[in-house]
Amino acid sequence: MIDDIIVGLLETYNTNNPFELCDFLDIKIISSNLGSDIKGFFQRTEEGYEIIHINSTLDYNESKYICAHELGHAILHTDLSISFFIENSLQIKNKFEIQADIFAAELLISNEQVDLISITDMTMDQLSSYFRVPADLIKYKFSREV
């Protein structure tokens, strides 16, 4: 299901950049200081506006990941009105958060990129560095059952 959504987005908008996709989908992005615990969150207002808030303290690659993750909530979880991405390594990720991470992994790590390298000789950390995404996304992209 998530793979099909990603393919549809790529075919329709010809980009895997979550910032560009938000622009095409009329999802507003607001960058502001959200403190040290919140990296970002998705908000759907009563009026139907969709907003992704991203912590302005993040670097570009992390902002891109957070944007992709929150875009996953916007597209996959149409019943949610708000979803927070909180930095807490002890927090157990629920089903919605895992789905949003899988969405981000599939969006940010294209199959074409994977075909260009030999991933069999690379560690998770090396793949994370190569694709400029968190190691969790590498796990979701390469370890999950399709």
C-alpha atoms as a PDB file:
ATOM      1  CA  MET A   1       0.000   0.000   0.000  1.00  0.00           C
ATOM      2  CA  ILE A   2       2.674   2.554   0.998  1.00  0.00           C
ATOM      3  CA  ASP A   3       4.827   1.565  -1.979  1.00  0.00           C
ATOM      4  CA  ASP A   4       1.890   2.203  -4.330  1.00  0.00           C
ATOM      5  CA  ILE A   5       1.300   5.642  -2.819  1.00  0.00           C
ATOM      6  CA  ILE A   6       4.976   6.551  -3.260  1.00  0.00           C
ATOM      7  CA  VAL A   7       4.946   5.384  -6.897  1.00  0.00           C
ATOM      8  CA  GLY A   8       1.828   7.482  -7.506  1.00  0.00           C
ATOM      9  CA  LEU A   9       3.441  10.577  -5.986  1.00  0.00           C
ATOM     10  CA  LEU A  10       6.638  10.108  -8.001  1.00  0.00           C
ATOM     11  CA  GLU A  11       4.734   9.576 -11.248  1.00  0.00           C
ATOM     12  CA  THR A  12       2.418  12.526 -10.646  1.00  0.00           C
ATOM     13  CA  TYR A  13       4.873  15.109  -9.320  1.00  0.00           C
ATOM     14  CA  ASN A  14       8.238  13.799 -10.609  1.00  0.00           C
ATOM     15  CA  THR A  15      10.019  14.447  -7.305  1.00  0.00           C
ATOM     16  CA  ASN A  16      10.774  12.647  -4.067  1.00  0.00           C
ATOM     17  CA  ASN A  17      11.597  15.895  -2.257  1.00  0.00           C
ATOM     18  CA  PRO A  18       9.089  16.163   0.614  1.00  0.00           C
ATOM     19  CA  PHE A  19       9.262  19.972   0.640  1.00  0.00           C
ATOM     20  CA  GLU A  20       8.297  20.112  -3.044  1.00  0.00           C
ATOM     21  CA  LEU A  21       5.561  17.512  -2.538  1.00  0.00           C
ATOM     22  CA  CYS A  22       4.076  19.572   0.293  1.00  0.00           C
ATOM     23  CA  ASP A  23       4.005  22.563  -2.037  1.00  0.00           C
ATOM     24  CA  PHE A  24       2.223  20.546  -4.745  1.00  0.00           C
ATOM     25  CA  LEU A  25      -0.231  19.109  -2.199  1.00  0.00           C
ATOM     26  CA  ASP A  26      -0.944  22.512  -0.621  1.00  0.00           C
ATOM     27  CA  ILE A  27       0.464  21.473   2.754  1.00  0.00           C
ATOM     28  CA  LYS A  28       1.980  24.466   4.516  1.00  0.00           C
ATOM     29  CA  ILE A  29       5.380  24.099   6.186  1.00  0.00           C
ATOM     30  CA  ILE A  30       6.214  26.233   9.207  1.00  0.00           C
ATOM     31  CA  SER A  31       9.730  26.274  10.622  1.00  0.00           C
ATOM     32  CA  SER A  32      10.059  27.493  14.201  1.00  0.00           C
ATOM     33  CA  ASN A  33      11.902  26.673  17.407  1.00  0.00           C
ATOM     34  CA  LEU A  34       9.906  23.847  18.993  1.00  0.00           C
ATOM     35  CA  GLY A  35      12.280  23.295  21.895  1.00  0.00           C
ATOM     36  CA  SER A  36      14.656  20.414  22.442  1.00  0.00           C
ATOM     37  CA  ASP A  37      12.165  17.516  22.497  1.00  0.00           C
ATOM     38  CA  ILE A  38       9.873  18.122  19.515  1.00  0.00           C
ATOM     39  CA  LYS A  39      11.383  17.753  16.064  1.00  0.00           C
ATOM     40  CA  GLY A  40       8.163  18.352  14.215  1.00  0.00           C
ATOM     41  CA  PHE A  41       4.471  17.680  14.015  1.00  0.00           C
ATOM     42  CA  PHE A  42       1.585  17.483  11.591  1.00  0.00           C
ATOM     43  CA  GLN A  43      -1.590  19.460  12.150  1.00  0.00           C
ATOM     44  CA  ARG A  44      -4.928  19.315  10.323  1.00  0.00           C
ATOM     45  CA  THR A  45      -7.125  22.264  11.302  1.00  0.00           C
ATOM     46  CA  GLU A  46     -10.906  22.236  11.647  1.00  0.00           C
ATOM     47  CA  GLU A  47     -11.014  24.341   8.481  1.00  0.00           C
ATOM     48  CA  GLY A  48      -9.187  21.569   6.609  1.00  0.00           C
ATOM     49  CA  TYR A  49      -5.767  23.215   6.336  1.00  0.00           C
ATOM     50  CA  GLU A  50      -2.792  20.890   6.622  1.00  0.00           C
ATOM     51  CA  ILE A  51       0.378  22.160   8.267  1.00  0.00           C
ATOM     52  CA  ILE A  52       3.734  20.529   8.948  1.00  0.00           C
ATOM     53  CA  HIS A  53       5.695  22.198  11.735  1.00  0.00           C
ATOM     54  CA  ILE A  54       9.463  21.580  11.678  1.00  0.00           C
ATOM     55  CA  ASN A  55      11.891  22.533  14.428  1.00  0.00           C
ATOM     56  CA  SER A  56      14.123  25.294  13.052  1.00  0.00           C
ATOM     57  CA  THR A  57      17.096  23.965  15.041  1.00  0.00           C
ATOM     58  CA  LEU A  58      17.407  20.895  12.772  1.00  0.00           C
ATOM     59  CA  ASP A  59      19.880  20.667   9.899  1.00  0.00           C
ATOM     60  CA  TYR A  60      18.638  20.286   6.318  1.00  0.00           C
ATOM     61  CA  ASN A  61      18.822  16.470   6.144  1.00  0.00           C
ATOM     62  CA  GLU A  62      16.989  15.996   9.431  1.00  0.00           C
ATOM     63  CA  SER A  63      14.387  18.603   8.423  1.00  0.00           C
ATOM     64  CA  LYS A  64      13.891  16.729   5.159  1.00  0.00           C
ATOM     65  CA  TYR A  65      13.370  13.466   7.052  1.00  0.00           C
ATOM     66  CA  ILE A  66      10.932  15.073   9.502  1.00  0.00           C
ATOM     67  CA  CYS A  67       9.038  16.637   6.602  1.00  0.00           C
ATOM     68  CA  ALA A  68       8.806  13.244   4.849  1.00  0.00           C
ATOM     69  CA  HIS A  69       7.683  11.564   8.090  1.00  0.00           C
ATOM     70  CA  GLU A  70       4.980  14.165   8.754  1.00  0.00           C
ATOM     71  CA  LEU A  71       3.909  14.072   5.093  1.00  0.00           C
ATOM     72  CA  GLY A  72       3.390  10.359   5.677  1.00  0.00           C
ATOM     73  CA  HIS A  73       0.936  11.201   8.454  1.00  0.00           C
ATOM     74  CA  ALA A  74      -0.856  13.696   6.195  1.00  0.00           C
ATOM     75  CA  ILE A  75      -1.317  11.130   3.431  1.00  0.00           C
ATOM     76  CA  LEU A  76      -1.714   7.876   5.376  1.00  0.00           C
ATOM     77  CA  HIS A  77      -3.575   8.975   8.487  1.00  0.00           C
ATOM     78  CA  THR A  78      -6.413  11.136   7.274  1.00  0.00           C
ATOM     79  CA  ASP A  79      -8.326  10.659  10.535  1.00  0.00           C
ATOM     80  CA  LEU A  80      -5.571  12.225  12.670  1.00  0.00           C
ATOM     81  CA  SER A  81      -5.782  15.907  13.461  1.00  0.00           C
ATOM     82  CA  ILE A  82      -2.335  16.186  15.060  1.00  0.00           C
ATOM     83  CA  SER A  83       0.761  14.018  15.351  1.00  0.00           C
ATOM     84  CA  PHE A  84       3.999  14.887  17.147  1.00  0.00           C
ATOM     85  CA  PHE A  85       7.504  13.602  16.447  1.00  0.00           C
ATOM     86  CA  ILE A  86       9.087  13.653  19.896  1.00  0.00           C
ATOM     87  CA  GLU A  87      12.758  12.885  20.434  1.00  0.00           C
ATOM     88  CA  ASN A  88      12.789  10.140  23.028  1.00  0.00           C
ATOM     89  CA  SER A  89      14.789   6.992  22.440  1.00  0.00           C
ATOM     90  CA  LEU A  90      12.810   5.159  25.130  1.00  0.00           C
ATOM     91  CA  GLN A  91       9.472   5.876  23.480  1.00  0.00           C
ATOM     92  CA  ILE A  92       7.943   2.836  21.815  1.00  0.00           C
ATOM     93  CA  LYS A  93       6.783   3.748  18.332  1.00  0.00           C
ATOM     94  CA  ASN A  94       3.146   3.039  17.667  1.00  0.00           C
ATOM     95  CA  LYS A  95       1.690   1.744  14.408  1.00  0.00           C
ATOM     96  CA  PHE A  96       1.122   5.246  12.984  1.00  0.00           C
ATOM     97  CA  GLU A  97       4.709   6.331  13.678  1.00  0.00           C
ATOM     98  CA  ILE A  98       6.126   3.181  12.100  1.00  0.00           C
ATOM     99  CA  GLN A  99       3.949   3.674   9.016  1.00  0.00           C
ATOM    100  CA  ALA A 100       5.104   7.300   8.743  1.00  0.00           C
ATOM    101  CA  ASP A 101       8.736   6.148   8.981  1.00  0.00           C
ATOM    102  CA  ILE A 102       8.187   3.495   6.301  1.00  0.00           C
ATOM    103  CA  PHE A 103       6.622   6.194   4.112  1.00  0.00           C
ATOM    104  CA  ALA A 104       9.663   8.437   4.700  1.00  0.00           C
ATOM    105  CA  ALA A 105      12.064   5.568   3.941  1.00  0.00           C
ATOM    106  CA  GLU A 106      10.324   4.684   0.686  1.00  0.00           C
ATOM    107  CA  LEU A 107      10.111   8.341  -0.346  1.00  0.00           C
ATOM    108  CA  LEU A 108      13.660   9.390   0.511  1.00  0.00           C
ATOM    109  CA  ILE A 109      15.503   6.230  -0.587  1.00  0.00           C
ATOM    110  CA  SER A 110      14.459   5.555  -4.156  1.00  0.00           C
ATOM    111  CA  ASN A 111      14.884   2.140  -5.701  1.00  0.00           C
ATOM    112  CA  GLU A 112      16.905   3.797  -8.471  1.00  0.00           C
ATOM    113  CA  GLN A 113      19.407   5.067  -5.878  1.00  0.00           C
ATOM    114  CA  VAL A 114      19.640   1.605  -4.347  1.00  0.00           C
ATOM    115  CA  ASP A 115      20.323   0.060  -7.759  1.00  0.00           C
ATOM    116  CA  LEU A 116      23.348   2.347  -8.223  1.00  0.00           C
ATOM    117  CA  ILE A 117      25.333   0.989  -5.272  1.00  0.00           C
ATOM    118  CA  SER A 118      26.338  -2.349  -3.836  1.00  0.00           C
ATOM    119  CA  ILE A 119      24.532  -2.355  -0.498  1.00  0.00           C
ATOM    120  CA  THR A 120      25.576  -5.875   0.441  1.00  0.00           C
ATOM    121  CA  ASP A 121      29.007  -4.723   1.611  1.00  0.00           C
ATOM    122  CA  MET A 122      27.767  -1.697   3.555  1.00  0.00           C
ATOM    123  CA  THR A 123      26.822  -1.421   7.227  1.00  0.00           C
ATOM    124  CA  MET A 124      23.630   0.276   8.406  1.00  0.00           C
ATOM    125  CA  ASP A 125      25.678   3.308   9.462  1.00  0.00           C
ATOM    126  CA  GLN A 126      27.358   3.516   6.062  1.00  0.00           C
ATOM    127  CA  LEU A 127      23.999   3.287   4.298  1.00  0.00           C
ATOM    128  CA  SER A 128      22.576   5.911   6.643  1.00  0.00           C
ATOM    129  CA  SER A 129      25.454   8.235   5.811  1.00  0.00           C
ATOM    130  CA  TYR A 130      25.263   7.513   2.074  1.00  0.00           C
ATOM    131  CA  PHE A 131      21.520   8.203   1.835  1.00  0.00           C
ATOM    132  CA  ARG A 132      21.647  10.967   4.493  1.00  0.00           C
ATOM    133  CA  VAL A 133      18.785   9.507   6.497  1.00  0.00           C
ATOM    134  CA  PRO A 134      18.498   8.110  10.051  1.00  0.00           C
ATOM    135  CA  ALA A 135      19.520   4.478  10.534  1.00  0.00           C
ATOM    136  CA  ASP A 136      15.908   3.565  11.395  1.00  0.00           C
ATOM    137  CA  LEU A 137      14.901   4.409   7.827  1.00  0.00           C
ATOM    138  CA  ILE A 138      17.615   2.119   6.487  1.00  0.00           C
ATOM    139  CA  LYS A 139      16.147  -0.653   8.625  1.00  0.00           C
ATOM    140  CA  TYR A 140      12.642   0.003   7.289  1.00  0.00           C
ATOM    141  CA  LYS A 141      13.800   0.180   3.675  1.00  0.00           C
ATOM    142  CA  PHE A 142      16.013  -2.910   3.638  1.00  0.00           C
ATOM    143  CA  SER A 143      14.853  -5.151   6.499  1.00  0.00           C
ATOM    144  CA  ARG A 144      11.084  -5.142   6.392  1.00  0.00           C
ATOM    145  CA  GLU A 145       9.075  -7.764   4.607  1.00  0.00           C
ATOM    146  CA  VAL A 146       7.329  -6.482   1.498  1.00  0.00           C
END
